[in-house]
Amino acid sequence: MRGDTPPDLSLEEAAQAFAALGSEQRLAVLRTLVRAGPAGLSAGDLAHRTGVANSTLTHHLRFLVAAGLVDQTRRGRTVMCSSVAYDRVAQLSAFVLTQCCADASVAAHTPSEETAHDHG
């Protein structure tokens, strides 16, 4: 993960990334790549570790790459799922967490409480 702060995701980008993670197998692929670290894994090693068939893995990787969550490179004839795009995963987490508790003070004042105070 780079030290710079990643730019904010748009709602559309976040939805695409969350949709890509909406499959148990794709989520397992991402978690396996996170465990492997920045060096990543070859497609064959990834298939072996996840138990996902190569043809199915290719399908799932397309979703993860399109969502910007996984980077793929080639080393000769070997496709490397070089690693998780850690900046993108951080952006996805920040997309949800930066809004944490933003409306907490508003929720503390329910309309019924305000009405009782106004009329009492």
PDB file of N, CA and C in Angstrom:
ATOM      1  N   MET A   1       0.842  -1.171   0.000  1.00  0.00           N
ATOM      2  CA  MET A   1       0.000   0.000   0.000  1.00  0.00           C
ATOM      3  C   MET A   1       0.883   1.229   0.000  1.00  0.00           C
ATOM      4  N   ARG A   2       0.573   2.152  -0.856  1.00  0.00           N
ATOM      5  CA  ARG A   2       1.349   3.377  -0.912  1.00  0.00           C
ATOM      6  C   ARG A   2       0.989   4.278   0.254  1.00  0.00           C
ATOM      7  N   GLY A   3       1.897   5.211   0.577  1.00  0.00           N
ATOM      8  CA  GLY A   3       1.695   6.092   1.702  1.00  0.00           C
ATOM      9  C   GLY A   3       0.762   7.256   1.422  1.00  0.00           C
ATOM     10  N   ASP A   4       0.482   7.539   0.132  1.00  0.00           N
ATOM     11  CA  ASP A   4      -0.372   8.678  -0.164  1.00  0.00           C
ATOM     12  C   ASP A   4      -1.836   8.344   0.094  1.00  0.00           C
ATOM     13  N   THR A   5      -2.644   9.373   0.284  1.00  0.00           N
ATOM     14  CA  THR A   5      -4.062   9.177   0.536  1.00  0.00           C
ATOM     15  C   THR A   5      -4.770   8.994  -0.795  1.00  0.00           C
ATOM     16  N   PRO A   6      -5.494   7.881  -0.974  1.00  0.00           N
ATOM     17  CA  PRO A   6      -6.169   7.658  -2.238  1.00  0.00           C
ATOM     18  C   PRO A   6      -7.351   8.611  -2.397  1.00  0.00           C
ATOM     19  N   PRO A   7      -7.649   9.015  -3.638  1.00  0.00           N
ATOM     20  CA  PRO A   7      -8.788   9.896  -3.859  1.00  0.00           C
ATOM     21  C   PRO A   7     -10.099   9.174  -3.549  1.00  0.00           C
ATOM     22  N   ASP A   8     -11.138   9.953  -3.300  1.00  0.00           N
ATOM     23  CA  ASP A   8     -12.435   9.377  -2.983  1.00  0.00           C
ATOM     24  C   ASP A   8     -13.002   8.627  -4.174  1.00  0.00           C
ATOM     25  N   LEU A   9     -13.784   7.596  -3.879  1.00  0.00           N
ATOM     26  CA  LEU A   9     -14.489   6.860  -4.921  1.00  0.00           C
ATOM     27  C   LEU A   9     -15.827   7.524  -5.183  1.00  0.00           C
ATOM     28  N   SER A  10     -16.283   7.441  -6.407  1.00  0.00           N
ATOM     29  CA  SER A  10     -17.641   7.895  -6.713  1.00  0.00           C
ATOM     30  C   SER A  10     -18.597   6.792  -6.273  1.00  0.00           C
ATOM     31  N   LEU A  11     -19.847   7.114  -6.154  1.00  0.00           N
ATOM     32  CA  LEU A  11     -20.866   6.138  -5.785  1.00  0.00           C
ATOM     33  C   LEU A  11     -20.883   4.992  -6.791  1.00  0.00           C
ATOM     34  N   GLU A  12     -20.748   5.319  -8.064  1.00  0.00           N
ATOM     35  CA  GLU A  12     -20.744   4.306  -9.124  1.00  0.00           C
ATOM     36  C   GLU A  12     -19.545   3.359  -8.986  1.00  0.00           C
ATOM     37  N   GLU A  13     -18.354   3.910  -8.737  1.00  0.00           N
ATOM     38  CA  GLU A  13     -17.155   3.081  -8.569  1.00  0.00           C
ATOM     39  C   GLU A  13     -17.274   2.181  -7.349  1.00  0.00           C
ATOM     40  N   ALA A  14     -17.779   2.721  -6.255  1.00  0.00           N
ATOM     41  CA  ALA A  14     -17.948   1.923  -5.044  1.00  0.00           C
ATOM     42  C   ALA A  14     -18.956   0.808  -5.269  1.00  0.00           C
ATOM     43  N   ALA A  15     -20.050   1.117  -5.947  1.00  0.00           N
ATOM     44  CA  ALA A  15     -21.070   0.095  -6.230  1.00  0.00           C
ATOM     45  C   ALA A  15     -20.488  -1.025  -7.084  1.00  0.00           C
ATOM     46  N   GLN A  16     -19.670  -0.667  -8.067  1.00  0.00           N
ATOM     47  CA  GLN A  16     -19.047  -1.682  -8.924  1.00  0.00           C
ATOM     48  C   GLN A  16     -18.107  -2.568  -8.106  1.00  0.00           C
ATOM     49  N   ALA A  17     -17.335  -1.964  -7.225  1.00  0.00           N
ATOM     50  CA  ALA A  17     -16.400  -2.736  -6.404  1.00  0.00           C
ATOM     51  C   ALA A  17     -17.153  -3.647  -5.436  1.00  0.00           C
ATOM     52  N   PHE A  18     -18.189  -3.120  -4.798  1.00  0.00           N
ATOM     53  CA  PHE A  18     -18.971  -3.957  -3.882  1.00  0.00           C
ATOM     54  C   PHE A  18     -19.681  -5.077  -4.637  1.00  0.00           C
ATOM     55  N   ALA A  19     -20.154  -4.799  -5.844  1.00  0.00           N
ATOM     56  CA  ALA A  19     -20.793  -5.840  -6.652  1.00  0.00           C
ATOM     57  C   ALA A  19     -19.797  -6.939  -6.997  1.00  0.00           C
ATOM     58  N   ALA A  20     -18.559  -6.549  -7.285  1.00  0.00           N
ATOM     59  CA  ALA A  20     -17.526  -7.539  -7.596  1.00  0.00           C
ATOM     60  C   ALA A  20     -17.260  -8.446  -6.407  1.00  0.00           C
ATOM     61  N   LEU A  21     -17.458  -7.940  -5.216  1.00  0.00           N
ATOM     62  CA  LEU A  21     -17.231  -8.740  -4.005  1.00  0.00           C
ATOM     63  C   LEU A  21     -18.489  -9.490  -3.567  1.00  0.00           C
ATOM     64  N   GLY A  22     -19.541  -9.386  -4.361  1.00  0.00           N
ATOM     65  CA  GLY A  22     -20.812 -10.006  -4.009  1.00  0.00           C
ATOM     66  C   GLY A  22     -20.872 -11.502  -4.260  1.00  0.00           C
ATOM     67  N   SER A  23     -19.771 -12.109  -4.568  1.00  0.00           N
ATOM     68  CA  SER A  23     -19.698 -13.551  -4.783  1.00  0.00           C
ATOM     69  C   SER A  23     -18.756 -14.142  -3.740  1.00  0.00           C
ATOM     70  N   GLU A  24     -19.158 -15.238  -3.135  1.00  0.00           N
ATOM     71  CA  GLU A  24     -18.292 -15.888  -2.144  1.00  0.00           C
ATOM     72  C   GLU A  24     -16.948 -16.266  -2.752  1.00  0.00           C
ATOM     73  N   GLN A  25     -16.966 -16.747  -3.993  1.00  0.00           N
ATOM     74  CA  GLN A  25     -15.707 -17.158  -4.625  1.00  0.00           C
ATOM     75  C   GLN A  25     -14.810 -15.963  -4.901  1.00  0.00           C
ATOM     76  N   ARG A  26     -15.386 -14.845  -5.363  1.00  0.00           N
ATOM     77  CA  ARG A  26     -14.554 -13.662  -5.617  1.00  0.00           C
ATOM     78  C   ARG A  26     -13.995 -13.106  -4.312  1.00  0.00           C
ATOM     79  N   LEU A  27     -14.795 -13.138  -3.273  1.00  0.00           N
ATOM     80  CA  LEU A  27     -14.308 -12.677  -1.974  1.00  0.00           C
ATOM     81  C   LEU A  27     -13.190 -13.592  -1.478  1.00  0.00           C
ATOM     82  N   ALA A  28     -13.324 -14.886  -1.697  1.00  0.00           N
ATOM     83  CA  ALA A  28     -12.269 -15.834  -1.316  1.00  0.00           C
ATOM     84  C   ALA A  28     -10.990 -15.577  -2.120  1.00  0.00           C
ATOM     85  N   VAL A  29     -11.136 -15.261  -3.394  1.00  0.00           N
ATOM     86  CA  VAL A  29      -9.972 -14.950  -4.238  1.00  0.00           C
ATOM     87  C   VAL A  29      -9.267 -13.717  -3.696  1.00  0.00           C
ATOM     88  N   LEU A  30     -10.026 -12.671  -3.396  1.00  0.00           N
ATOM     89  CA  LEU A  30      -9.418 -11.446  -2.881  1.00  0.00           C
ATOM     90  C   LEU A  30      -8.713 -11.704  -1.560  1.00  0.00           C
ATOM     91  N   ARG A  31      -9.340 -12.431  -0.663  1.00  0.00           N
ATOM     92  CA  ARG A  31      -8.723 -12.716   0.641  1.00  0.00           C
ATOM     93  C   ARG A  31      -7.459 -13.558   0.484  1.00  0.00           C
ATOM     94  N   THR A  32      -7.462 -14.481  -0.459  1.00  0.00           N
ATOM     95  CA  THR A  32      -6.279 -15.296  -0.707  1.00  0.00           C
ATOM     96  C   THR A  32      -5.142 -14.431  -1.222  1.00  0.00           C
ATOM     97  N   LEU A  33      -5.458 -13.480  -2.089  1.00  0.00           N
ATOM     98  CA  LEU A  33      -4.426 -12.576  -2.597  1.00  0.00           C
ATOM     99  C   LEU A  33      -3.922 -11.639  -1.507  1.00  0.00           C
ATOM    100  N   VAL A  34      -4.793 -11.214  -0.618  1.00  0.00           N
ATOM    101  CA  VAL A  34      -4.360 -10.386   0.516  1.00  0.00           C
ATOM    102  C   VAL A  34      -3.369 -11.177   1.362  1.00  0.00           C
ATOM    103  N   ARG A  35      -3.673 -12.444   1.614  1.00  0.00           N
ATOM    104  CA  ARG A  35      -2.784 -13.301   2.412  1.00  0.00           C
ATOM    105  C   ARG A  35      -1.433 -13.498   1.726  1.00  0.00           C
ATOM    106  N   ALA A  36      -1.437 -13.537   0.401  1.00  0.00           N
ATOM    107  CA  ALA A  36      -0.199 -13.770  -0.343  1.00  0.00           C
ATOM    108  C   ALA A  36       0.727 -12.554  -0.310  1.00  0.00           C
ATOM    109  N   GLY A  37       0.175 -11.372  -0.073  1.00  0.00           N
ATOM    110  CA  GLY A  37       1.001 -10.176   0.005  1.00  0.00           C
ATOM    111  C   GLY A  37       1.272  -9.569  -1.357  1.00  0.00           C
ATOM    112  N   PRO A  38       2.132  -8.560  -1.369  1.00  0.00           N
ATOM    113  CA  PRO A  38       2.398  -7.787  -2.593  1.00  0.00           C
ATOM    114  C   PRO A  38       2.983  -8.602  -3.746  1.00  0.00           C
ATOM    115  N   ALA A  39       3.635  -9.715  -3.467  1.00  0.00           N
ATOM    116  CA  ALA A  39       4.209 -10.526  -4.545  1.00  0.00           C
ATOM    117  C   ALA A  39       3.131 -11.196  -5.384  1.00  0.00           C
ATOM    118  N   GLY A  40       1.955 -11.396  -4.811  1.00  0.00           N
ATOM    119  CA  GLY A  40       0.852 -12.003  -5.542  1.00  0.00           C
ATOM    120  C   GLY A  40       1.046 -13.477  -5.797  1.00  0.00           C
ATOM    121  N   LEU A  41       0.206 -14.008  -6.642  1.00  0.00           N
ATOM    122  CA  LEU A  41       0.226 -15.432  -6.983  1.00  0.00           C
ATOM    123  C   LEU A  41       0.004 -15.601  -8.476  1.00  0.00           C
ATOM    124  N   SER A  42       0.510 -16.691  -9.006  1.00  0.00           N
ATOM    125  CA  SER A  42       0.166 -17.034 -10.382  1.00  0.00           C
ATOM    126  C   SER A  42      -1.283 -17.508 -10.377  1.00  0.00           C
ATOM    127  N   ALA A  43      -1.902 -17.483 -11.548  1.00  0.00           N
ATOM    128  CA  ALA A  43      -3.282 -17.942 -11.654  1.00  0.00           C
ATOM    129  C   ALA A  43      -3.405 -19.400 -11.200  1.00  0.00           C
ATOM    130  N   GLY A  44      -2.404 -20.216 -11.538  1.00  0.00           N
ATOM    131  CA  GLY A  44      -2.431 -21.623 -11.122  1.00  0.00           C
ATOM    132  C   GLY A  44      -2.365 -21.783  -9.615  1.00  0.00           C
ATOM    133  N   ASP A  45      -1.478 -21.036  -8.974  1.00  0.00           N
ATOM    134  CA  ASP A  45      -1.381 -21.098  -7.513  1.00  0.00           C
ATOM    135  C   ASP A  45      -2.661 -20.590  -6.860  1.00  0.00           C
ATOM    136  N   LEU A  46      -3.222 -19.543  -7.429  1.00  0.00           N
ATOM    137  CA  LEU A  46      -4.453 -18.992  -6.880  1.00  0.00           C
ATOM    138  C   LEU A  46      -5.596 -19.996  -7.006  1.00  0.00           C
ATOM    139  N   ALA A  47      -5.688 -20.663  -8.150  1.00  0.00           N
ATOM    140  CA  ALA A  47      -6.720 -21.683  -8.348  1.00  0.00           C
ATOM    141  C   ALA A  47      -6.543 -22.809  -7.328  1.00  0.00           C
ATOM    142  N   HIS A  48      -5.310 -23.226  -7.121  1.00  0.00           N
ATOM    143  CA  HIS A  48      -5.035 -24.296  -6.168  1.00  0.00           C
ATOM    144  C   HIS A  48      -5.420 -23.898  -4.739  1.00  0.00           C
ATOM    145  N   ARG A  49      -5.024 -22.704  -4.336  1.00  0.00           N
ATOM    146  CA  ARG A  49      -5.283 -22.260  -2.956  1.00  0.00           C
ATOM    147  C   ARG A  49      -6.759 -22.010  -2.676  1.00  0.00           C
ATOM    148  N   THR A  50      -7.495 -21.578  -3.693  1.00  0.00           N
ATOM    149  CA  THR A  50      -8.915 -21.287  -3.482  1.00  0.00           C
ATOM    150  C   THR A  50      -9.817 -22.466  -3.808  1.00  0.00           C
ATOM    151  N   GLY A  51      -9.294 -23.440  -4.560  1.00  0.00           N
ATOM    152  CA  GLY A  51     -10.116 -24.572  -4.978  1.00  0.00           C
ATOM    153  C   GLY A  51     -11.075 -24.216  -6.100  1.00  0.00           C
ATOM    154  N   VAL A  52     -10.826 -23.091  -6.765  1.00  0.00           N
ATOM    155  CA  VAL A  52     -11.675 -22.642  -7.869  1.00  0.00           C
ATOM    156  C   VAL A  52     -11.033 -23.099  -9.177  1.00  0.00           C
ATOM    157  N   ALA A  53     -11.823 -23.710 -10.059  1.00  0.00           N
ATOM    158  CA  ALA A  53     -11.313 -24.187 -11.350  1.00  0.00           C
ATOM    159  C   ALA A  53     -10.775 -23.013 -12.163  1.00  0.00           C
ATOM    160  N   ASN A  54      -9.748 -23.268 -12.974  1.00  0.00           N
ATOM    161  CA  ASN A  54      -9.105 -22.212 -13.764  1.00  0.00           C
ATOM    162  C   ASN A  54     -10.091 -21.404 -14.599  1.00  0.00           C
ATOM    163  N   SER A  55     -11.013 -22.087 -15.280  1.00  0.00           N
ATOM    164  CA  SER A  55     -11.966 -21.363 -16.139  1.00  0.00           C
ATOM    165  C   SER A  55     -12.883 -20.469 -15.303  1.00  0.00           C
ATOM    166  N   THR A  56     -13.307 -20.956 -14.163  1.00  0.00           N
ATOM    167  CA  THR A  56     -14.152 -20.163 -13.271  1.00  0.00           C
ATOM    168  C   THR A  56     -13.346 -19.027 -12.651  1.00  0.00           C
ATOM    169  N   LEU A  57     -12.097 -19.302 -12.313  1.00  0.00           N
ATOM    170  CA  LEU A  57     -11.228 -18.289 -11.724  1.00  0.00           C
ATOM    171  C   LEU A  57     -11.027 -17.130 -12.696  1.00  0.00           C
ATOM    172  N   THR A  58     -10.830 -17.444 -13.971  1.00  0.00           N
ATOM    173  CA  THR A  58     -10.666 -16.402 -14.986  1.00  0.00           C
ATOM    174  C   THR A  58     -11.882 -15.488 -15.010  1.00  0.00           C
ATOM    175  N   HIS A  59     -13.057 -16.073 -14.935  1.00  0.00           N
ATOM    176  CA  HIS A  59     -14.308 -15.305 -14.906  1.00  0.00           C
ATOM    177  C   HIS A  59     -14.350 -14.377 -13.691  1.00  0.00           C
ATOM    178  N   HIS A  60     -14.023 -14.896 -12.519  1.00  0.00           N
ATOM    179  CA  HIS A  60     -14.061 -14.095 -11.298  1.00  0.00           C
ATOM    180  C   HIS A  60     -12.987 -13.009 -11.302  1.00  0.00           C
ATOM    181  N   LEU A  61     -11.827 -13.326 -11.819  1.00  0.00           N
ATOM    182  CA  LEU A  61     -10.755 -12.329 -11.877  1.00  0.00           C
ATOM    183  C   LEU A  61     -11.123 -11.155 -12.772  1.00  0.00           C
ATOM    184  N   ARG A  62     -11.865 -11.422 -13.844  1.00  0.00           N
ATOM    185  CA  ARG A  62     -12.304 -10.329 -14.714  1.00  0.00           C
ATOM    186  C   ARG A  62     -13.111  -9.297 -13.922  1.00  0.00           C
ATOM    187  N   PHE A  63     -14.003  -9.764 -13.070  1.00  0.00           N
ATOM    188  CA  PHE A  63     -14.801  -8.866 -12.236  1.00  0.00           C
ATOM    189  C   PHE A  63     -13.913  -8.060 -11.287  1.00  0.00           C
ATOM    190  N   LEU A  64     -12.985  -8.747 -10.624  1.00  0.00           N
ATOM    191  CA  LEU A  64     -12.125  -8.088  -9.643  1.00  0.00           C
ATOM    192  C   LEU A  64     -11.177  -7.096 -10.300  1.00  0.00           C
ATOM    193  N   VAL A  65     -10.664  -7.435 -11.473  1.00  0.00           N
ATOM    194  CA  VAL A  65      -9.777  -6.524 -12.201  1.00  0.00           C
ATOM    195  C   VAL A  65     -10.578  -5.320 -12.697  1.00  0.00           C
ATOM    196  N   ALA A  66     -11.766  -5.548 -13.248  1.00  0.00           N
ATOM    197  CA  ALA A  66     -12.603  -4.453 -13.749  1.00  0.00           C
ATOM    198  C   ALA A  66     -12.982  -3.481 -12.633  1.00  0.00           C
ATOM    199  N   ALA A  67     -13.157  -4.000 -11.432  1.00  0.00           N
ATOM    200  CA  ALA A  67     -13.501  -3.153 -10.283  1.00  0.00           C
ATOM    201  C   ALA A  67     -12.268  -2.481  -9.692  1.00  0.00           C
ATOM    202  N   GLY A  68     -11.093  -2.816 -10.220  1.00  0.00           N
ATOM    203  CA  GLY A  68      -9.860  -2.202  -9.744  1.00  0.00           C
ATOM    204  C   GLY A  68      -9.353  -2.779  -8.439  1.00  0.00           C
ATOM    205  N   LEU A  69      -9.840  -3.952  -8.056  1.00  0.00           N
ATOM    206  CA  LEU A  69      -9.456  -4.551  -6.778  1.00  0.00           C
ATOM    207  C   LEU A  69      -8.255  -5.486  -6.893  1.00  0.00           C
ATOM    208  N   VAL A  70      -7.981  -5.963  -8.098  1.00  0.00           N
ATOM    209  CA  VAL A  70      -6.856  -6.873  -8.336  1.00  0.00           C
ATOM    210  C   VAL A  70      -6.102  -6.377  -9.563  1.00  0.00           C
ATOM    211  N   ASP A  71      -4.783  -6.417  -9.468  1.00  0.00           N
ATOM    212  CA  ASP A  71      -3.913  -6.079 -10.597  1.00  0.00           C
ATOM    213  C   ASP A  71      -3.377  -7.370 -11.190  1.00  0.00           C
ATOM    214  N   GLN A  72      -3.421  -7.493 -12.510  1.00  0.00           N
ATOM    215  CA  GLN A  72      -2.852  -8.659 -13.180  1.00  0.00           C
ATOM    216  C   GLN A  72      -1.716  -8.222 -14.080  1.00  0.00           C
ATOM    217  N   THR A  73      -0.674  -9.025 -14.092  1.00  0.00           N
ATOM    218  CA  THR A  73       0.435  -8.801 -15.007  1.00  0.00           C
ATOM    219  C   THR A  73       0.843 -10.135 -15.602  1.00  0.00           C
ATOM    220  N   ARG A  74       1.648 -10.073 -16.650  1.00  0.00           N
ATOM    221  CA  ARG A  74       2.193 -11.290 -17.266  1.00  0.00           C
ATOM    222  C   ARG A  74       3.684 -11.321 -17.030  1.00  0.00           C
ATOM    223  N   ARG A  75       4.153 -12.499 -16.717  1.00  0.00           N
ATOM    224  CA  ARG A  75       5.599 -12.753 -16.657  1.00  0.00           C
ATOM    225  C   ARG A  75       5.843 -13.898 -17.631  1.00  0.00           C
ATOM    226  N   GLY A  76       6.238 -13.537 -18.816  1.00  0.00           N
ATOM    227  CA  GLY A  76       6.380 -14.558 -19.853  1.00  0.00           C
ATOM    228  C   GLY A  76       5.018 -15.107 -20.211  1.00  0.00           C
ATOM    229  N   ARG A  77       4.836 -16.413 -20.058  1.00  0.00           N
ATOM    230  CA  ARG A  77       3.563 -17.052 -20.361  1.00  0.00           C
ATOM    231  C   ARG A  77       2.658 -17.154 -19.135  1.00  0.00           C
ATOM    232  N   THR A  78       3.172 -16.774 -17.974  1.00  0.00           N
ATOM    233  CA  THR A  78       2.417 -16.918 -16.739  1.00  0.00           C
ATOM    234  C   THR A  78       1.659 -15.642 -16.408  1.00  0.00           C
ATOM    235  N   VAL A  79       0.361 -15.784 -16.175  1.00  0.00           N
ATOM    236  CA  VAL A  79      -0.431 -14.648 -15.723  1.00  0.00           C
ATOM    237  C   VAL A  79      -0.278 -14.569 -14.212  1.00  0.00           C
ATOM    238  N   MET A  80       0.179 -13.429 -13.754  1.00  0.00           N
ATOM    239  CA  MET A  80       0.295 -13.210 -12.311  1.00  0.00           C
ATOM    240  C   MET A  80      -0.873 -12.337 -11.871  1.00  0.00           C
ATOM    241  N   CYS A  81      -1.548 -12.750 -10.824  1.00  0.00           N
ATOM    242  CA  CYS A  81      -2.518 -11.887 -10.181  1.00  0.00           C
ATOM    243  C   CYS A  81      -1.644 -11.126  -9.216  1.00  0.00           C
ATOM    244  N   SER A  82      -0.914 -10.172  -9.770  1.00  0.00           N
ATOM    245  CA  SER A  82       0.232  -9.605  -9.075  1.00  0.00           C
ATOM    246  C   SER A  82      -0.059  -9.280  -7.634  1.00  0.00           C
ATOM    247  N   SER A  83      -1.177  -8.712  -7.365  1.00  0.00           N
ATOM    248  CA  SER A  83      -1.524  -8.474  -5.972  1.00  0.00           C
ATOM    249  C   SER A  83      -2.861  -7.787  -5.905  1.00  0.00           C
ATOM    250  N   VAL A  84      -3.301  -7.658  -4.705  1.00  0.00           N
ATOM    251  CA  VAL A  84      -4.491  -6.874  -4.441  1.00  0.00           C
ATOM    252  C   VAL A  84      -4.122  -5.422  -4.690  1.00  0.00           C
ATOM    253  N   ALA A  85      -5.037  -4.667  -5.242  1.00  0.00           N
ATOM    254  CA  ALA A  85      -4.847  -3.229  -5.403  1.00  0.00           C
ATOM    255  C   ALA A  85      -5.202  -2.598  -4.056  1.00  0.00           C
ATOM    256  N   TYR A  86      -4.223  -2.603  -3.150  1.00  0.00           N
ATOM    257  CA  TYR A  86      -4.475  -2.198  -1.766  1.00  0.00           C
ATOM    258  C   TYR A  86      -5.042  -0.786  -1.663  1.00  0.00           C
ATOM    259  N   ASP A  87      -4.603   0.124  -2.524  1.00  0.00           N
ATOM    260  CA  ASP A  87      -5.146   1.480  -2.484  1.00  0.00           C
ATOM    261  C   ASP A  87      -6.649   1.474  -2.751  1.00  0.00           C
ATOM    262  N   ARG A  88      -7.060   0.644  -3.705  1.00  0.00           N
ATOM    263  CA  ARG A  88      -8.486   0.579  -4.058  1.00  0.00           C
ATOM    264  C   ARG A  88      -9.294  -0.034  -2.914  1.00  0.00           C
ATOM    265  N   VAL A  89      -8.758  -1.061  -2.287  1.00  0.00           N
ATOM    266  CA  VAL A  89      -9.442  -1.677  -1.145  1.00  0.00           C
ATOM    267  C   VAL A  89      -9.554  -0.660  -0.003  1.00  0.00           C
ATOM    268  N   ALA A  90      -8.502   0.127   0.198  1.00  0.00           N
ATOM    269  CA  ALA A  90      -8.542   1.178   1.226  1.00  0.00           C
ATOM    270  C   ALA A  90      -9.592   2.222   0.872  1.00  0.00           C
ATOM    271  N   GLN A  91      -9.696   2.567  -0.402  1.00  0.00           N
ATOM    272  CA  GLN A  91     -10.716   3.522  -0.833  1.00  0.00           C
ATOM    273  C   GLN A  91     -12.114   2.989  -0.547  1.00  0.00           C
ATOM    274  N   LEU A  92     -12.299   1.701  -0.794  1.00  0.00           N
ATOM    275  CA  LEU A  92     -13.602   1.086  -0.580  1.00  0.00           C
ATOM    276  C   LEU A  92     -13.974   1.103   0.901  1.00  0.00           C
ATOM    277  N   SER A  93     -13.013   0.802   1.744  1.00  0.00           N
ATOM    278  CA  SER A  93     -13.255   0.869   3.192  1.00  0.00           C
ATOM    279  C   SER A  93     -13.554   2.294   3.614  1.00  0.00           C
ATOM    280  N   ALA A  94     -12.772   3.238   3.120  1.00  0.00           N
ATOM    281  CA  ALA A  94     -12.970   4.643   3.475  1.00  0.00           C
ATOM    282  C   ALA A  94     -14.315   5.151   2.976  1.00  0.00           C
ATOM    283  N   PHE A  95     -14.783   4.641   1.845  1.00  0.00           N
ATOM    284  CA  PHE A  95     -16.066   5.058   1.290  1.00  0.00           C
ATOM    285  C   PHE A  95     -17.179   4.850   2.307  1.00  0.00           C
ATOM    286  N   VAL A  96     -17.115   3.742   3.016  1.00  0.00           N
ATOM    287  CA  VAL A  96     -18.125   3.427   4.017  1.00  0.00           C
ATOM    288  C   VAL A  96     -17.804   4.110   5.345  1.00  0.00           C
ATOM    289  N   LEU A  97     -16.571   4.012   5.778  1.00  0.00           N
ATOM    290  CA  LEU A  97     -16.221   4.446   7.134  1.00  0.00           C
ATOM    291  C   LEU A  97     -16.090   5.946   7.316  1.00  0.00           C
ATOM    292  N   THR A  98     -15.837   6.705   6.267  1.00  0.00           N
ATOM    293  CA  THR A  98     -15.683   8.153   6.453  1.00  0.00           C
ATOM    294  C   THR A  98     -16.992   8.807   6.865  1.00  0.00           C
ATOM    295  N   GLN A  99     -18.089   8.152   6.626  1.00  0.00           N
ATOM    296  CA  GLN A  99     -19.386   8.695   7.015  1.00  0.00           C
ATOM    297  C   GLN A  99     -19.841   8.208   8.386  1.00  0.00           C
ATOM    298  N   CYS A 100     -18.985   7.450   9.057  1.00  0.00           N
ATOM    299  CA  CYS A 100     -19.349   6.872  10.349  1.00  0.00           C
ATOM    300  C   CYS A 100     -19.820   7.957  11.319  1.00  0.00           C
ATOM    301  N   CYS A 101     -20.985   7.748  11.856  1.00  0.00           N
ATOM    302  CA  CYS A 101     -21.570   8.572  12.926  1.00  0.00           C
ATOM    303  C   CYS A 101     -21.870  10.010  12.503  1.00  0.00           C
ATOM    304  N   ALA A 102     -21.864  10.304  11.214  1.00  0.00           N
ATOM    305  CA  ALA A 102     -22.101  11.667  10.733  1.00  0.00           C
ATOM    306  C   ALA A 102     -23.456  12.207  11.162  1.00  0.00           C
ATOM    307  N   ASP A 103     -24.435  11.343  11.264  1.00  0.00           N
ATOM    308  CA  ASP A 103     -25.779  11.781  11.639  1.00  0.00           C
ATOM    309  C   ASP A 103     -26.147  11.384  13.060  1.00  0.00           C
ATOM    310  N   ALA A 104     -25.171  10.977  13.848  1.00  0.00           N
ATOM    311  CA  ALA A 104     -25.462  10.494  15.205  1.00  0.00           C
ATOM    312  C   ALA A 104     -26.127  11.562  16.054  1.00  0.00           C
ATOM    313  N   SER A 105     -25.701  12.809  15.967  1.00  0.00           N
ATOM    314  CA  SER A 105     -26.305  13.852  16.788  1.00  0.00           C
ATOM    315  C   SER A 105     -27.719  14.175  16.313  1.00  0.00           C
ATOM    316  N   VAL A 106     -27.980  14.025  15.016  1.00  0.00           N
ATOM    317  CA  VAL A 106     -29.319  14.256  14.484  1.00  0.00           C
ATOM    318  C   VAL A 106     -30.269  13.170  14.971  1.00  0.00           C
ATOM    319  N   ALA A 107     -29.805  11.936  15.012  1.00  0.00           N
ATOM    320  CA  ALA A 107     -30.650  10.815  15.440  1.00  0.00           C
ATOM    321  C   ALA A 107     -31.002  10.919  16.920  1.00  0.00           C
ATOM    322  N   ALA A 108     -30.200  11.609  17.698  1.00  0.00           N
ATOM    323  CA  ALA A 108     -30.461  11.727  19.132  1.00  0.00           C
ATOM    324  C   ALA A 108     -31.698  12.573  19.405  1.00  0.00           C
ATOM    325  N   HIS A 109     -32.089  13.420  18.457  1.00  0.00           N
ATOM    326  CA  HIS A 109     -33.267  14.270  18.617  1.00  0.00           C
ATOM    327  C   HIS A 109     -34.371  13.765  17.701  1.00  0.00           C
ATOM    328  N   THR A 110     -35.256  12.985  18.224  1.00  0.00           N
ATOM    329  CA  THR A 110     -36.353  12.468  17.421  1.00  0.00           C
ATOM    330  C   THR A 110     -37.411  13.551  17.277  1.00  0.00           C
ATOM    331  N   PRO A 111     -38.212  13.519  16.217  1.00  0.00           N
ATOM    332  CA  PRO A 111     -39.268  14.528  16.012  1.00  0.00           C
ATOM    333  C   PRO A 111     -40.233  14.609  17.182  1.00  0.00           C
ATOM    334  N   SER A 112     -40.555  13.487  17.813  1.00  0.00           N
ATOM    335  CA  SER A 112     -41.527  13.509  18.914  1.00  0.00           C
ATOM    336  C   SER A 112     -40.970  14.267  20.114  1.00  0.00           C
ATOM    337  N   GLU A 113     -39.664  14.163  20.368  1.00  0.00           N
ATOM    338  CA  GLU A 113     -39.053  14.894  21.471  1.00  0.00           C
ATOM    339  C   GLU A 113     -39.051  16.385  21.214  1.00  0.00           C
ATOM    340  N   GLU A 114     -38.745  16.761  19.954  1.00  0.00           N
ATOM    341  CA  GLU A 114     -38.725  18.175  19.605  1.00  0.00           C
ATOM    342  C   GLU A 114     -40.112  18.793  19.730  1.00  0.00           C
ATOM    343  N   THR A 115     -41.143  18.048  19.314  1.00  0.00           N
ATOM    344  CA  THR A 115     -42.518  18.545  19.392  1.00  0.00           C
ATOM    345  C   THR A 115     -42.934  18.742  20.836  1.00  0.00           C
ATOM    346  N   ALA A 116     -42.561  17.828  21.713  1.00  0.00           N
ATOM    347  CA  ALA A 116     -42.913  17.935  23.130  1.00  0.00           C
ATOM    348  C   ALA A 116     -42.271  19.157  23.737  1.00  0.00           C
ATOM    349  N   HIS A 117     -41.042  19.471  23.359  1.00  0.00           N
ATOM    350  CA  HIS A 117     -40.334  20.643  23.893  1.00  0.00           C
ATOM    351  C   HIS A 117     -40.937  21.922  23.353  1.00  0.00           C
ATOM    352  N   ASP A 118     -41.383  21.922  22.098  1.00  0.00           N
ATOM    353  CA  ASP A 118     -41.937  23.124  21.504  1.00  0.00           C
ATOM    354  C   ASP A 118     -43.295  23.493  22.105  1.00  0.00           C
ATOM    355  N   HIS A 119     -44.047  22.495  22.558  1.00  0.00           N
ATOM    356  CA  HIS A 119     -45.397  22.745  23.043  1.00  0.00           C
ATOM    357  C   HIS A 119     -45.469  22.751  24.570  1.00  0.00           C
ATOM    358  N   GLY A 120     -44.380  22.558  25.259  1.00  0.00           N
ATOM    359  CA  GLY A 120     -44.462  22.416  26.694  1.00  0.00           C
ATOM    360  C   GLY A 120     -44.023  23.608  27.385  1.00  0.00           C
TER     361      GLY A 120
END
